[in-house]
Amino acid sequence: MRTSDDAIARRSDRHARRDRAALSALVPLVYDELRKLADDKLRREPTNHTLPPTALVHEAYILLVG
């Protein structure tokens, strides 16, 4: 597990125990990780796509929080 994965897992566990500060710390970590994943994914796609990595992250966020 990478360091960022460890940090995300710890904060997620704390959030599950109703720790509001953990959620505040968790959101930027998850956002950064999703942004990296989106950038990697879109870099392997054809160059004629119109969806930037940030938009892909926002779409994922909407799906996650419903």
N, C-alpha and C. Protein backbone atom coordinates (compact mmCIF):
# COMPACT_ATOMS: atom_id res chain seq x y z
N MET A 1 0.85 -1.17 0.00
CA MET A 1 0.00 0.00 0.00
C MET A 1 0.90 1.24 0.00
N ARG A 2 0.64 2.19 -0.85
CA ARG A 2 1.41 3.43 -0.91
C ARG A 2 1.08 4.30 0.29
N THR A 3 1.98 5.25 0.56
CA THR A 3 1.79 6.15 1.69
C THR A 3 0.46 6.89 1.60
N SER A 4 0.13 7.40 0.40
CA SER A 4 -1.14 8.12 0.27
C SER A 4 -2.31 7.18 0.50
N ASP A 5 -2.17 5.92 0.07
CA ASP A 5 -3.22 4.93 0.32
C ASP A 5 -3.39 4.70 1.82
N ASP A 6 -2.28 4.65 2.55
CA ASP A 6 -2.35 4.48 4.00
C ASP A 6 -3.07 5.66 4.65
N ALA A 7 -2.72 6.86 4.22
CA ALA A 7 -3.34 8.06 4.79
C ALA A 7 -4.82 8.09 4.49
N ILE A 8 -5.19 7.72 3.29
CA ILE A 8 -6.60 7.68 2.92
C ILE A 8 -7.33 6.64 3.75
N ALA A 9 -6.75 5.47 3.90
CA ALA A 9 -7.38 4.41 4.68
C ALA A 9 -7.56 4.81 6.14
N ARG A 10 -6.54 5.43 6.73
CA ARG A 10 -6.64 5.87 8.14
C ARG A 10 -7.74 6.91 8.31
N ARG A 11 -7.76 7.90 7.43
CA ARG A 11 -8.77 8.96 7.56
C ARG A 11 -10.17 8.44 7.26
N SER A 12 -10.26 7.51 6.33
CA SER A 12 -11.56 6.92 6.03
C SER A 12 -12.09 6.16 7.23
N ASP A 13 -11.20 5.43 7.89
CA ASP A 13 -11.60 4.69 9.09
C ASP A 13 -12.04 5.65 10.19
N ARG A 14 -11.29 6.74 10.37
CA ARG A 14 -11.67 7.73 11.38
C ARG A 14 -13.00 8.39 11.03
N HIS A 15 -13.20 8.67 9.75
CA HIS A 15 -14.47 9.28 9.32
C HIS A 15 -15.63 8.33 9.61
N ALA A 16 -15.41 7.04 9.39
CA ALA A 16 -16.46 6.06 9.66
C ALA A 16 -16.85 6.08 11.14
N ARG A 17 -15.94 6.53 11.99
CA ARG A 17 -16.22 6.64 13.42
C ARG A 17 -16.71 8.04 13.79
N ARG A 18 -17.20 8.78 12.78
CA ARG A 18 -17.83 10.10 12.97
C ARG A 18 -16.83 11.21 13.32
N ASP A 19 -15.59 11.07 12.89
CA ASP A 19 -14.57 12.09 13.13
C ASP A 19 -14.64 13.10 11.97
N ARG A 20 -15.26 14.25 12.21
CA ARG A 20 -15.46 15.25 11.15
C ARG A 20 -14.14 15.81 10.62
N ALA A 21 -13.16 15.96 11.48
CA ALA A 21 -11.86 16.46 11.03
C ALA A 21 -11.22 15.49 10.04
N ALA A 22 -11.47 14.22 10.23
CA ALA A 22 -10.93 13.22 9.31
C ALA A 22 -11.51 13.40 7.92
N LEU A 23 -12.78 13.74 7.83
CA LEU A 23 -13.39 13.96 6.52
C LEU A 23 -12.76 15.17 5.84
N SER A 24 -12.53 16.22 6.59
CA SER A 24 -11.89 17.41 6.03
C SER A 24 -10.51 17.09 5.50
N ALA A 25 -9.80 16.19 6.15
CA ALA A 25 -8.47 15.80 5.69
C ALA A 25 -8.55 14.77 4.57
N LEU A 26 -9.62 13.99 4.55
CA LEU A 26 -9.76 12.91 3.57
C LEU A 26 -10.08 13.43 2.17
N VAL A 27 -10.95 14.40 2.07
CA VAL A 27 -11.41 14.88 0.76
C VAL A 27 -10.25 15.33 -0.13
N PRO A 28 -9.31 16.16 0.34
CA PRO A 28 -8.22 16.56 -0.55
C PRO A 28 -7.33 15.38 -0.96
N LEU A 29 -7.13 14.42 -0.06
CA LEU A 29 -6.32 13.26 -0.41
C LEU A 29 -6.98 12.44 -1.51
N VAL A 30 -8.27 12.20 -1.37
CA VAL A 30 -9.00 11.43 -2.37
C VAL A 30 -9.05 12.19 -3.68
N TYR A 31 -9.28 13.48 -3.62
CA TYR A 31 -9.34 14.30 -4.83
C TYR A 31 -8.00 14.24 -5.57
N ASP A 32 -6.90 14.41 -4.85
CA ASP A 32 -5.58 14.36 -5.48
C ASP A 32 -5.32 13.00 -6.13
N GLU A 33 -5.70 11.95 -5.43
CA GLU A 33 -5.50 10.60 -5.98
C GLU A 33 -6.36 10.37 -7.22
N LEU A 34 -7.62 10.80 -7.16
CA LEU A 34 -8.49 10.67 -8.34
C LEU A 34 -7.95 11.50 -9.51
N ARG A 35 -7.41 12.65 -9.23
CA ARG A 35 -6.85 13.52 -10.27
C ARG A 35 -5.67 12.84 -10.96
N LYS A 36 -4.80 12.21 -10.17
CA LYS A 36 -3.65 11.48 -10.73
C LYS A 36 -4.13 10.31 -11.60
N LEU A 37 -5.11 9.57 -11.09
CA LEU A 37 -5.64 8.43 -11.86
C LEU A 37 -6.28 8.90 -13.17
N ALA A 38 -7.03 9.98 -13.10
CA ALA A 38 -7.68 10.51 -14.31
C ALA A 38 -6.64 10.98 -15.32
N ASP A 39 -5.62 11.66 -14.84
CA ASP A 39 -4.57 12.14 -15.73
C ASP A 39 -3.87 10.97 -16.41
N ASP A 40 -3.54 9.92 -15.64
CA ASP A 40 -2.91 8.73 -16.22
C ASP A 40 -3.82 8.06 -17.24
N LYS A 41 -5.08 7.94 -16.90
CA LYS A 41 -6.03 7.29 -17.80
C LYS A 41 -6.18 8.07 -19.10
N LEU A 42 -6.37 9.38 -18.99
CA LEU A 42 -6.60 10.19 -20.18
C LEU A 42 -5.34 10.33 -21.03
N ARG A 43 -4.18 10.21 -20.43
CA ARG A 43 -2.94 10.27 -21.19
C ARG A 43 -2.83 9.09 -22.16
N ARG A 44 -3.47 7.98 -21.84
CA ARG A 44 -3.45 6.78 -22.69
C ARG A 44 -4.57 6.77 -23.73
N GLU A 45 -5.44 7.75 -23.66
CA GLU A 45 -6.56 7.84 -24.59
C GLU A 45 -6.15 8.61 -25.85
N PRO A 46 -6.92 8.48 -26.93
CA PRO A 46 -6.64 9.29 -28.12
C PRO A 46 -6.65 10.79 -27.79
N THR A 47 -5.87 11.54 -28.51
CA THR A 47 -5.74 12.97 -28.18
C THR A 47 -6.94 13.80 -28.58
N ASN A 48 -7.91 13.22 -29.25
CA ASN A 48 -9.07 14.01 -29.69
C ASN A 48 -10.22 14.02 -28.68
N HIS A 49 -10.00 13.51 -27.47
CA HIS A 49 -11.07 13.55 -26.46
C HIS A 49 -11.19 14.98 -25.93
N THR A 50 -12.33 15.30 -25.41
CA THR A 50 -12.58 16.67 -24.95
C THR A 50 -12.74 16.77 -23.44
N LEU A 51 -12.63 15.67 -22.74
CA LEU A 51 -12.83 15.67 -21.29
C LEU A 51 -11.49 15.84 -20.58
N PRO A 52 -11.29 16.95 -19.87
CA PRO A 52 -10.03 17.12 -19.12
C PRO A 52 -10.06 16.27 -17.84
N PRO A 53 -8.89 15.98 -17.27
CA PRO A 53 -8.84 15.15 -16.05
C PRO A 53 -9.71 15.69 -14.92
N THR A 54 -9.74 16.99 -14.73
CA THR A 54 -10.55 17.56 -13.64
C THR A 54 -12.02 17.25 -13.83
N ALA A 55 -12.51 17.32 -15.05
CA ALA A 55 -13.92 17.00 -15.30
C ALA A 55 -14.20 15.54 -15.02
N LEU A 56 -13.25 14.68 -15.36
CA LEU A 56 -13.42 13.25 -15.07
C LEU A 56 -13.49 13.01 -13.56
N VAL A 57 -12.65 13.71 -12.81
CA VAL A 57 -12.67 13.60 -11.35
C VAL A 57 -14.01 14.08 -10.80
N HIS A 58 -14.52 15.17 -11.33
CA HIS A 58 -15.80 15.70 -10.86
C HIS A 58 -16.93 14.72 -11.16
N GLU A 59 -16.88 14.08 -12.32
CA GLU A 59 -17.88 13.05 -12.65
C GLU A 59 -17.80 11.90 -11.66
N ALA A 60 -16.58 11.46 -11.34
CA ALA A 60 -16.40 10.37 -10.37
C ALA A 60 -16.93 10.78 -9.00
N TYR A 61 -16.66 12.00 -8.60
CA TYR A 61 -17.12 12.49 -7.30
C TYR A 61 -18.65 12.46 -7.23
N ILE A 62 -19.29 12.92 -8.29
CA ILE A 62 -20.75 12.93 -8.33
C ILE A 62 -21.29 11.50 -8.17
N LEU A 63 -20.64 10.56 -8.84
CA LEU A 63 -21.06 9.16 -8.71
C LEU A 63 -20.84 8.62 -7.31
N LEU A 64 -19.74 9.04 -6.68
CA LEU A 64 -19.41 8.55 -5.33
C LEU A 64 -20.38 9.07 -4.27
N VAL A 65 -20.72 10.34 -4.36
CA VAL A 65 -21.57 10.93 -3.33
C VAL A 65 -23.04 10.89 -3.67
N GLY A 66 -23.32 10.55 -4.90
CA GLY A 66 -24.69 10.37 -5.34
C GLY A 66 -25.52 11.58 -5.26
